[in-house]
Amino acid sequence: MAEFLGSMLDATRADINAAYRSKQAGGRREVDLHRGALRLTDAALAELRGHIERLATQFGDRDAPGVWTRVVVTVVDLQDRPSPDAAPRA
């Protein structure tokens, strides 16, 4: 898994570098990067994943006109998620 994720990050880095080289040469490429941390309950995590899936479906028409755009979304727990039967913390 670590090798696969490393390959994904390398490919994403290559995409971003190519876009910025193109911009420096006068091309028009858009790059947006968002990184943040959210505190998500199990229900909120499921809802977020649902929203991501709906966005991918809504904008994922491969036959639509436009510019091919790479989208990478990563949702990673930064700590162990409590078991579903654990009492909530106050």
PDB file of N, CA and C in Angstrom:
ATOM      1  N   MET A   1       0.829  -1.193   0.000  1.00  0.00           N
ATOM      2  CA  MET A   1       0.000   0.000   0.000  1.00  0.00           C
ATOM      3  C   MET A   1       0.872   1.254   0.000  1.00  0.00           C
ATOM      4  N   ALA A   2       1.953   1.218   0.802  1.00  0.00           N
ATOM      5  CA  ALA A   2       2.823   2.391   0.877  1.00  0.00           C
ATOM      6  C   ALA A   2       3.447   2.706  -0.477  1.00  0.00           C
ATOM      7  N   GLU A   3       3.845   1.680  -1.226  1.00  0.00           N
ATOM      8  CA  GLU A   3       4.415   1.917  -2.558  1.00  0.00           C
ATOM      9  C   GLU A   3       3.372   2.514  -3.497  1.00  0.00           C
ATOM     10  N   PHE A   4       2.148   1.993  -3.442  1.00  0.00           N
ATOM     11  CA  PHE A   4       1.066   2.512  -4.284  1.00  0.00           C
ATOM     12  C   PHE A   4       0.804   3.976  -3.969  1.00  0.00           C
ATOM     13  N   LEU A   5       0.690   4.302  -2.676  1.00  0.00           N
ATOM     14  CA  LEU A   5       0.442   5.696  -2.289  1.00  0.00           C
ATOM     15  C   LEU A   5       1.604   6.594  -2.682  1.00  0.00           C
ATOM     16  N   GLY A   6       2.827   6.082  -2.534  1.00  0.00           N
ATOM     17  CA  GLY A   6       3.993   6.860  -2.963  1.00  0.00           C
ATOM     18  C   GLY A   6       3.954   7.140  -4.452  1.00  0.00           C
ATOM     19  N   SER A   7       3.536   6.150  -5.238  1.00  0.00           N
ATOM     20  CA  SER A   7       3.410   6.345  -6.691  1.00  0.00           C
ATOM     21  C   SER A   7       2.351   7.386  -7.010  1.00  0.00           C
ATOM     22  N   MET A   8       1.241   7.358  -6.282  1.00  0.00           N
ATOM     23  CA  MET A   8       0.189   8.363  -6.501  1.00  0.00           C
ATOM     24  C   MET A   8       0.698   9.769  -6.193  1.00  0.00           C
ATOM     25  N   LEU A   9       1.434   9.892  -5.096  1.00  0.00           N
ATOM     26  CA  LEU A   9       1.979  11.200  -4.735  1.00  0.00           C
ATOM     27  C   LEU A   9       3.006  11.665  -5.757  1.00  0.00           C
ATOM     28  N   ASP A  10       3.846  10.756  -6.247  1.00  0.00           N
ATOM     29  CA  ASP A  10       4.823  11.107  -7.282  1.00  0.00           C
ATOM     30  C   ASP A  10       4.126  11.572  -8.557  1.00  0.00           C
ATOM     31  N   ALA A  11       3.065  10.869  -8.957  1.00  0.00           N
ATOM     32  CA  ALA A  11       2.322  11.257 -10.162  1.00  0.00           C
ATOM     33  C   ALA A  11       1.651  12.609  -9.975  1.00  0.00           C
ATOM     34  N   THR A  12       1.116  12.854  -8.789  1.00  0.00           N
ATOM     35  CA  THR A  12       0.481  14.141  -8.509  1.00  0.00           C
ATOM     36  C   THR A  12       1.511  15.260  -8.526  1.00  0.00           C
ATOM     37  N   ARG A  13       2.671  15.000  -7.941  1.00  0.00           N
ATOM     38  CA  ARG A  13       3.757  15.997  -7.958  1.00  0.00           C
ATOM     39  C   ARG A  13       4.163  16.311  -9.407  1.00  0.00           C
ATOM     40  N   ALA A  14       4.242  15.286 -10.251  1.00  0.00           N
ATOM     41  CA  ALA A  14       4.599  15.488 -11.659  1.00  0.00           C
ATOM     42  C   ALA A  14       3.537  16.323 -12.372  1.00  0.00           C
ATOM     43  N   ASP A  15       2.257  16.049 -12.094  1.00  0.00           N
ATOM     44  CA  ASP A  15       1.178  16.844 -12.693  1.00  0.00           C
ATOM     45  C   ASP A  15       1.286  18.313 -12.295  1.00  0.00           C
ATOM     46  N   ILE A  16       1.527  18.556 -11.008  1.00  0.00           N
ATOM     47  CA  ILE A  16       1.621  19.934 -10.507  1.00  0.00           C
ATOM     48  C   ILE A  16       2.844  20.628 -11.100  1.00  0.00           C
ATOM     49  N   ASN A  17       3.987  19.940 -11.129  1.00  0.00           N
ATOM     50  CA  ASN A  17       5.194  20.539 -11.717  1.00  0.00           C
ATOM     51  C   ASN A  17       4.986  20.875 -13.187  1.00  0.00           C
ATOM     52  N   ALA A  18       4.360  19.969 -13.937  1.00  0.00           N
ATOM     53  CA  ALA A  18       4.107  20.230 -15.359  1.00  0.00           C
ATOM     54  C   ALA A  18       3.187  21.428 -15.533  1.00  0.00           C
ATOM     55  N   ALA A  19       2.183  21.536 -14.688  1.00  0.00           N
ATOM     56  CA  ALA A  19       1.262  22.672 -14.788  1.00  0.00           C
ATOM     57  C   ALA A  19       1.990  23.987 -14.519  1.00  0.00           C
ATOM     58  N   TYR A  20       2.835  24.013 -13.479  1.00  0.00           N
ATOM     59  CA  TYR A  20       3.554  25.253 -13.181  1.00  0.00           C
ATOM     60  C   TYR A  20       4.596  25.587 -14.238  1.00  0.00           C
ATOM     61  N   ARG A  21       5.241  24.573 -14.826  1.00  0.00           N
ATOM     62  CA  ARG A  21       6.176  24.849 -15.935  1.00  0.00           C
ATOM     63  C   ARG A  21       5.415  25.461 -17.114  1.00  0.00           C
ATOM     64  N   SER A  22       4.234  24.934 -17.390  1.00  0.00           N
ATOM     65  CA  SER A  22       3.416  25.475 -18.469  1.00  0.00           C
ATOM     66  C   SER A  22       3.023  26.925 -18.183  1.00  0.00           C
ATOM     67  N   LYS A  23       2.637  27.192 -16.940  1.00  0.00           N
ATOM     68  CA  LYS A  23       2.261  28.567 -16.562  1.00  0.00           C
ATOM     69  C   LYS A  23       3.445  29.515 -16.728  1.00  0.00           C
ATOM     70  N   GLN A  24       4.636  29.061 -16.325  1.00  0.00           N
ATOM     71  CA  GLN A  24       5.827  29.901 -16.463  1.00  0.00           C
ATOM     72  C   GLN A  24       6.136  30.183 -17.928  1.00  0.00           C
ATOM     73  N   ALA A  25       5.764  29.264 -18.807  1.00  0.00           N
ATOM     74  CA  ALA A  25       6.005  29.432 -20.243  1.00  0.00           C
ATOM     75  C   ALA A  25       4.864  30.178 -20.924  1.00  0.00           C
ATOM     76  N   GLY A  26       3.896  30.670 -20.128  1.00  0.00           N
ATOM     77  CA  GLY A  26       2.806  31.451 -20.699  1.00  0.00           C
ATOM     78  C   GLY A  26       1.527  30.670 -20.929  1.00  0.00           C
ATOM     79  N   GLY A  27       1.506  29.406 -20.559  1.00  0.00           N
ATOM     80  CA  GLY A  27       0.292  28.604 -20.718  1.00  0.00           C
ATOM     81  C   GLY A  27      -0.731  28.924 -19.644  1.00  0.00           C
ATOM     82  N   ARG A  28      -1.899  28.374 -19.816  1.00  0.00           N
ATOM     83  CA  ARG A  28      -2.961  28.590 -18.837  1.00  0.00           C
ATOM     84  C   ARG A  28      -3.371  27.251 -18.237  1.00  0.00           C
ATOM     85  N   ARG A  29      -2.902  27.000 -17.046  1.00  0.00           N
ATOM     86  CA  ARG A  29      -3.287  25.805 -16.289  1.00  0.00           C
ATOM     87  C   ARG A  29      -3.659  26.240 -14.883  1.00  0.00           C
ATOM     88  N   GLU A  30      -4.692  25.627 -14.360  1.00  0.00           N
ATOM     89  CA  GLU A  30      -5.149  25.937 -13.012  1.00  0.00           C
ATOM     90  C   GLU A  30      -4.687  24.854 -12.051  1.00  0.00           C
ATOM     91  N   VAL A  31      -4.230  25.252 -10.883  1.00  0.00           N
ATOM     92  CA  VAL A  31      -3.842  24.321  -9.826  1.00  0.00           C
ATOM     93  C   VAL A  31      -4.419  24.853  -8.524  1.00  0.00           C
ATOM     94  N   ASP A  32      -5.192  24.033  -7.850  1.00  0.00           N
ATOM     95  CA  ASP A  32      -5.703  24.368  -6.521  1.00  0.00           C
ATOM     96  C   ASP A  32      -5.299  23.249  -5.574  1.00  0.00           C
ATOM     97  N   LEU A  33      -4.806  23.618  -4.425  1.00  0.00           N
ATOM     98  CA  LEU A  33      -4.419  22.638  -3.430  1.00  0.00           C
ATOM     99  C   LEU A  33      -4.998  23.077  -2.093  1.00  0.00           C
ATOM    100  N   HIS A  34      -5.697  22.189  -1.476  1.00  0.00           N
ATOM    101  CA  HIS A  34      -6.299  22.471  -0.171  1.00  0.00           C
ATOM    102  C   HIS A  34      -5.846  21.386   0.796  1.00  0.00           C
ATOM    103  N   ARG A  35      -5.359  21.806   1.946  1.00  0.00           N
ATOM    104  CA  ARG A  35      -4.951  20.839   2.958  1.00  0.00           C
ATOM    105  C   ARG A  35      -5.423  21.362   4.294  1.00  0.00           C
ATOM    106  N   GLY A  36      -6.113  20.535   5.015  1.00  0.00           N
ATOM    107  CA  GLY A  36      -6.607  20.953   6.316  1.00  0.00           C
ATOM    108  C   GLY A  36      -6.943  19.737   7.151  1.00  0.00           C
ATOM    109  N   ALA A  37      -7.307  19.978   8.368  1.00  0.00           N
ATOM    110  CA  ALA A  37      -7.698  18.897   9.274  1.00  0.00           C
ATOM    111  C   ALA A  37      -9.103  19.174   9.776  1.00  0.00           C
ATOM    112  N   LEU A  38      -9.931  18.169   9.752  1.00  0.00           N
ATOM    113  CA  LEU A  38     -11.311  18.262  10.216  1.00  0.00           C
ATOM    114  C   LEU A  38     -11.535  17.231  11.308  1.00  0.00           C
ATOM    115  N   ARG A  39     -12.345  17.559  12.280  1.00  0.00           N
ATOM    116  CA  ARG A  39     -12.731  16.578  13.295  1.00  0.00           C
ATOM    117  C   ARG A  39     -14.067  16.007  12.848  1.00  0.00           C
ATOM    118  N   LEU A  40     -14.068  14.729  12.462  1.00  0.00           N
ATOM    119  CA  LEU A  40     -15.256  14.104  11.880  1.00  0.00           C
ATOM    120  C   LEU A  40     -15.747  12.923  12.712  1.00  0.00           C
ATOM    121  N   THR A  41     -17.031  12.913  12.993  1.00  0.00           N
ATOM    122  CA  THR A  41     -17.650  11.733  13.585  1.00  0.00           C
ATOM    123  C   THR A  41     -17.789  10.683  12.491  1.00  0.00           C
ATOM    124  N   ASP A  42     -18.145   9.460  12.862  1.00  0.00           N
ATOM    125  CA  ASP A  42     -18.378   8.425  11.857  1.00  0.00           C
ATOM    126  C   ASP A  42     -19.454   8.869  10.870  1.00  0.00           C
ATOM    127  N   ALA A  43     -20.515   9.499  11.391  1.00  0.00           N
ATOM    128  CA  ALA A  43     -21.603   9.955  10.519  1.00  0.00           C
ATOM    129  C   ALA A  43     -21.120  11.062   9.579  1.00  0.00           C
ATOM    130  N   ALA A  44     -20.333  12.001  10.108  1.00  0.00           N
ATOM    131  CA  ALA A  44     -19.817  13.088   9.266  1.00  0.00           C
ATOM    132  C   ALA A  44     -18.865  12.561   8.210  1.00  0.00           C
ATOM    133  N   LEU A  45     -18.026  11.571   8.577  1.00  0.00           N
ATOM    134  CA  LEU A  45     -17.108  10.970   7.613  1.00  0.00           C
ATOM    135  C   LEU A  45     -17.887  10.299   6.483  1.00  0.00           C
ATOM    136  N   ALA A  46     -18.930   9.562   6.834  1.00  0.00           N
ATOM    137  CA  ALA A  46     -19.760   8.914   5.811  1.00  0.00           C
ATOM    138  C   ALA A  46     -20.425   9.950   4.917  1.00  0.00           C
ATOM    139  N   GLU A  47     -20.885  11.046   5.500  1.00  0.00           N
ATOM    140  CA  GLU A  47     -21.521  12.104   4.707  1.00  0.00           C
ATOM    141  C   GLU A  47     -20.515  12.760   3.773  1.00  0.00           C
ATOM    142  N   LEU A  48     -19.302  13.031   4.264  1.00  0.00           N
ATOM    143  CA  LEU A  48     -18.264  13.626   3.427  1.00  0.00           C
ATOM    144  C   LEU A  48     -17.930  12.709   2.255  1.00  0.00           C
ATOM    145  N   ARG A  49     -17.778  11.417   2.530  1.00  0.00           N
ATOM    146  CA  ARG A  49     -17.491  10.471   1.454  1.00  0.00           C
ATOM    147  C   ARG A  49     -18.623  10.453   0.430  1.00  0.00           C
ATOM    148  N   GLY A  50     -19.861  10.549   0.896  1.00  0.00           N
ATOM    149  CA  GLY A  50     -21.006  10.604  -0.015  1.00  0.00           C
ATOM    150  C   GLY A  50     -20.956  11.835  -0.900  1.00  0.00           C
ATOM    151  N   HIS A  51     -20.612  12.975  -0.312  1.00  0.00           N
ATOM    152  CA  HIS A  51     -20.503  14.214  -1.102  1.00  0.00           C
ATOM    153  C   HIS A  51     -19.412  14.087  -2.158  1.00  0.00           C
ATOM    154  N   ILE A  52     -18.269  13.526  -1.781  1.00  0.00           N
ATOM    155  CA  ILE A  52     -17.168  13.354  -2.737  1.00  0.00           C
ATOM    156  C   ILE A  52     -17.614  12.459  -3.885  1.00  0.00           C
ATOM    157  N   GLU A  53     -18.298  11.367  -3.570  1.00  0.00           N
ATOM    158  CA  GLU A  53     -18.780  10.449  -4.604  1.00  0.00           C
ATOM    159  C   GLU A  53     -19.776  11.139  -5.535  1.00  0.00           C
ATOM    160  N   ARG A  54     -20.671  11.932  -4.968  1.00  0.00           N
ATOM    161  CA  ARG A  54     -21.646  12.663  -5.814  1.00  0.00           C
ATOM    162  C   ARG A  54     -20.953  13.681  -6.713  1.00  0.00           C
ATOM    163  N   LEU A  55     -19.954  14.376  -6.195  1.00  0.00           N
ATOM    164  CA  LEU A  55     -19.201  15.325  -7.022  1.00  0.00           C
ATOM    165  C   LEU A  55     -18.485  14.613  -8.156  1.00  0.00           C
ATOM    166  N   ALA A  56     -17.858  13.476  -7.851  1.00  0.00           N
ATOM    167  CA  ALA A  56     -17.159  12.716  -8.888  1.00  0.00           C
ATOM    168  C   ALA A  56     -18.139  12.257  -9.965  1.00  0.00           C
ATOM    169  N   THR A  57     -19.315  11.841  -9.555  1.00  0.00           N
ATOM    170  CA  THR A  57     -20.334  11.410 -10.513  1.00  0.00           C
ATOM    171  C   THR A  57     -20.853  12.598 -11.325  1.00  0.00           C
ATOM    172  N   GLN A  58     -21.114  13.710 -10.652  1.00  0.00           N
ATOM    173  CA  GLN A  58     -21.658  14.897 -11.319  1.00  0.00           C
ATOM    174  C   GLN A  58     -20.705  15.446 -12.378  1.00  0.00           C
ATOM    175  N   PHE A  59     -19.428  15.500 -12.053  1.00  0.00           N
ATOM    176  CA  PHE A  59     -18.458  16.126 -12.953  1.00  0.00           C
ATOM    177  C   PHE A  59     -17.633  15.119 -13.737  1.00  0.00           C
ATOM    178  N   GLY A  60     -17.914  13.837 -13.603  1.00  0.00           N
ATOM    179  CA  GLY A  60     -17.082  12.811 -14.196  1.00  0.00           C
ATOM    180  C   GLY A  60     -17.489  12.354 -15.579  1.00  0.00           C
ATOM    181  N   ASP A  61     -18.215  13.168 -16.336  1.00  0.00           N
ATOM    182  CA  ASP A  61     -18.623  12.796 -17.682  1.00  0.00           C
ATOM    183  C   ASP A  61     -17.413  12.837 -18.608  1.00  0.00           C
ATOM    184  N   ARG A  62     -16.913  11.666 -18.973  1.00  0.00           N
ATOM    185  CA  ARG A  62     -15.702  11.580 -19.782  1.00  0.00           C
ATOM    186  C   ARG A  62     -15.910  12.074 -21.216  1.00  0.00           C
ATOM    187  N   ASP A  63     -17.162  12.179 -21.652  1.00  0.00           N
ATOM    188  CA  ASP A  63     -17.433  12.623 -23.018  1.00  0.00           C
ATOM    189  C   ASP A  63     -17.742  14.114 -23.107  1.00  0.00           C
ATOM    190  N   ALA A  64     -17.792  14.789 -21.981  1.00  0.00           N
ATOM    191  CA  ALA A  64     -18.111  16.221 -21.981  1.00  0.00           C
ATOM    192  C   ALA A  64     -16.938  17.017 -22.548  1.00  0.00           C
ATOM    193  N   PRO A  65     -17.224  18.146 -23.193  1.00  0.00           N
ATOM    194  CA  PRO A  65     -16.124  18.996 -23.664  1.00  0.00           C
ATOM    195  C   PRO A  65     -15.422  19.638 -22.469  1.00  0.00           C
ATOM    196  N   GLY A  66     -14.204  20.026 -22.668  1.00  0.00           N
ATOM    197  CA  GLY A  66     -13.462  20.693 -21.602  1.00  0.00           C
ATOM    198  C   GLY A  66     -12.039  20.194 -21.533  1.00  0.00           C
ATOM    199  N   VAL A  67     -11.361  20.581 -20.486  1.00  0.00           N
ATOM    200  CA  VAL A  67      -9.957  20.265 -20.278  1.00  0.00           C
ATOM    201  C   VAL A  67      -9.856  19.119 -19.279  1.00  0.00           C
ATOM    202  N   TRP A  68      -9.083  18.083 -19.613  1.00  0.00           N
ATOM    203  CA  TRP A  68      -8.853  17.007 -18.657  1.00  0.00           C
ATOM    204  C   TRP A  68      -8.214  17.596 -17.412  1.00  0.00           C
ATOM    205  N   THR A  69      -8.760  17.256 -16.270  1.00  0.00           N
ATOM    206  CA  THR A  69      -8.310  17.806 -14.995  1.00  0.00           C
ATOM    207  C   THR A  69      -8.145  16.660 -13.998  1.00  0.00           C
ATOM    208  N   ARG A  70      -7.001  16.573 -13.368  1.00  0.00           N
ATOM    209  CA  ARG A  70      -6.768  15.535 -12.365  1.00  0.00           C
ATOM    210  C   ARG A  70      -7.289  16.029 -11.025  1.00  0.00           C
ATOM    211  N   VAL A  71      -8.032  15.192 -10.341  1.00  0.00           N
ATOM    212  CA  VAL A  71      -8.564  15.509  -9.012  1.00  0.00           C
ATOM    213  C   VAL A  71      -8.096  14.422  -8.052  1.00  0.00           C
ATOM    214  N   VAL A  72      -7.415  14.834  -6.998  1.00  0.00           N
ATOM    215  CA  VAL A  72      -6.956  13.899  -5.978  1.00  0.00           C
ATOM    216  C   VAL A  72      -7.543  14.353  -4.651  1.00  0.00           C
ATOM    217  N   VAL A  73      -8.311  13.495  -4.017  1.00  0.00           N
ATOM    218  CA  VAL A  73      -8.880  13.794  -2.707  1.00  0.00           C
ATOM    219  C   VAL A  73      -8.437  12.684  -1.768  1.00  0.00           C
ATOM    220  N   THR A  74      -7.903  13.060  -0.632  1.00  0.00           N
ATOM    221  CA  THR A  74      -7.447  12.085   0.344  1.00  0.00           C
ATOM    222  C   THR A  74      -8.135  12.355   1.670  1.00  0.00           C
ATOM    223  N   VAL A  75      -8.727  11.338   2.229  1.00  0.00           N
ATOM    224  CA  VAL A  75      -9.330  11.436   3.553  1.00  0.00           C
ATOM    225  C   VAL A  75      -8.615  10.409   4.428  1.00  0.00           C
ATOM    226  N   VAL A  76      -7.804  10.895   5.364  1.00  0.00           N
ATOM    227  CA  VAL A  76      -6.973  10.025   6.188  1.00  0.00           C
ATOM    228  C   VAL A  76      -7.193  10.376   7.659  1.00  0.00           C
ATOM    229  N   ASP A  77      -7.577   9.388   8.465  1.00  0.00           N
ATOM    230  CA  ASP A  77      -7.657   9.632   9.906  1.00  0.00           C
ATOM    231  C   ASP A  77      -6.265   9.904  10.440  1.00  0.00           C
ATOM    232  N   LEU A  78      -6.101  10.928  11.258  1.00  0.00           N
ATOM    233  CA  LEU A  78      -4.810  11.279  11.848  1.00  0.00           C
ATOM    234  C   LEU A  78      -4.615  10.616  13.203  1.00  0.00           C
ATOM    235  N   GLN A  79      -5.630   9.942  13.669  1.00  0.00           N
ATOM    236  CA  GLN A  79      -5.550   9.204  14.931  1.00  0.00           C
ATOM    237  C   GLN A  79      -6.509   8.031  14.837  1.00  0.00           C
ATOM    238  N   ASP A  80      -6.420   7.101  15.788  1.00  0.00           N
ATOM    239  CA  ASP A  80      -7.324   5.965  15.785  1.00  0.00           C
ATOM    240  C   ASP A  80      -8.754   6.435  16.012  1.00  0.00           C
ATOM    241  N   ARG A  81      -9.655   5.891  15.243  1.00  0.00           N
ATOM    242  CA  ARG A  81     -11.072   6.201  15.366  1.00  0.00           C
ATOM    243  C   ARG A  81     -11.637   5.339  16.500  1.00  0.00           C
ATOM    244  N   PRO A  82     -12.430   5.927  17.421  1.00  0.00           N
ATOM    245  CA  PRO A  82     -12.987   5.121  18.500  1.00  0.00           C
ATOM    246  C   PRO A  82     -13.935   4.058  17.963  1.00  0.00           C
ATOM    247  N   SER A  83     -14.027   2.955  18.679  1.00  0.00           N
ATOM    248  CA  SER A  83     -14.943   1.904  18.242  1.00  0.00           C
ATOM    249  C   SER A  83     -16.371   2.417  18.368  1.00  0.00           C
ATOM    250  N   PRO A  84     -17.275   1.921  17.526  1.00  0.00           N
ATOM    251  CA  PRO A  84     -18.655   2.416  17.518  1.00  0.00           C
ATOM    252  C   PRO A  84     -19.365   2.264  18.859  1.00  0.00           C
ATOM    253  N   ASP A  85     -18.955   1.295  19.684  1.00  0.00           N
ATOM    254  CA  ASP A  85     -19.641   1.078  20.963  1.00  0.00           C
ATOM    255  C   ASP A  85     -18.993   1.832  22.132  1.00  0.00           C
ATOM    256  N   ALA A  86     -17.970   2.617  21.852  1.00  0.00           N
ATOM    257  CA  ALA A  86     -17.316   3.401  22.916  1.00  0.00           C
ATOM    258  C   ALA A  86     -18.195   4.564  23.312  1.00  0.00           C
ATOM    259  N   ALA A  87     -18.178   4.892  24.585  1.00  0.00           N
ATOM    260  CA  ALA A  87     -18.975   6.012  25.089  1.00  0.00           C
ATOM    261  C   ALA A  87     -18.398   7.320  24.554  1.00  0.00           C
ATOM    262  N   PRO A  88     -19.267   8.259  24.158  1.00  0.00           N
ATOM    263  CA  PRO A  88     -18.768   9.549  23.647  1.00  0.00           C
ATOM    264  C   PRO A  88     -18.060  10.329  24.749  1.00  0.00           C
ATOM    265  N   ARG A  89     -17.047  11.085  24.327  1.00  0.00           N
ATOM    266  CA  ARG A  89     -16.311  11.928  25.274  1.00  0.00           C
ATOM    267  C   ARG A  89     -17.002  13.258  25.419  1.00  0.00           C
ATOM    268  N   ALA A  90     -16.991  13.794  26.606  1.00  0.00           N
ATOM    269  CA  ALA A  90     -17.644  15.085  26.881  1.00  0.00           C
ATOM    270  C   ALA A  90     -16.770  16.234  26.492  1.00  0.00           C
TER     271      ALA A  90
END
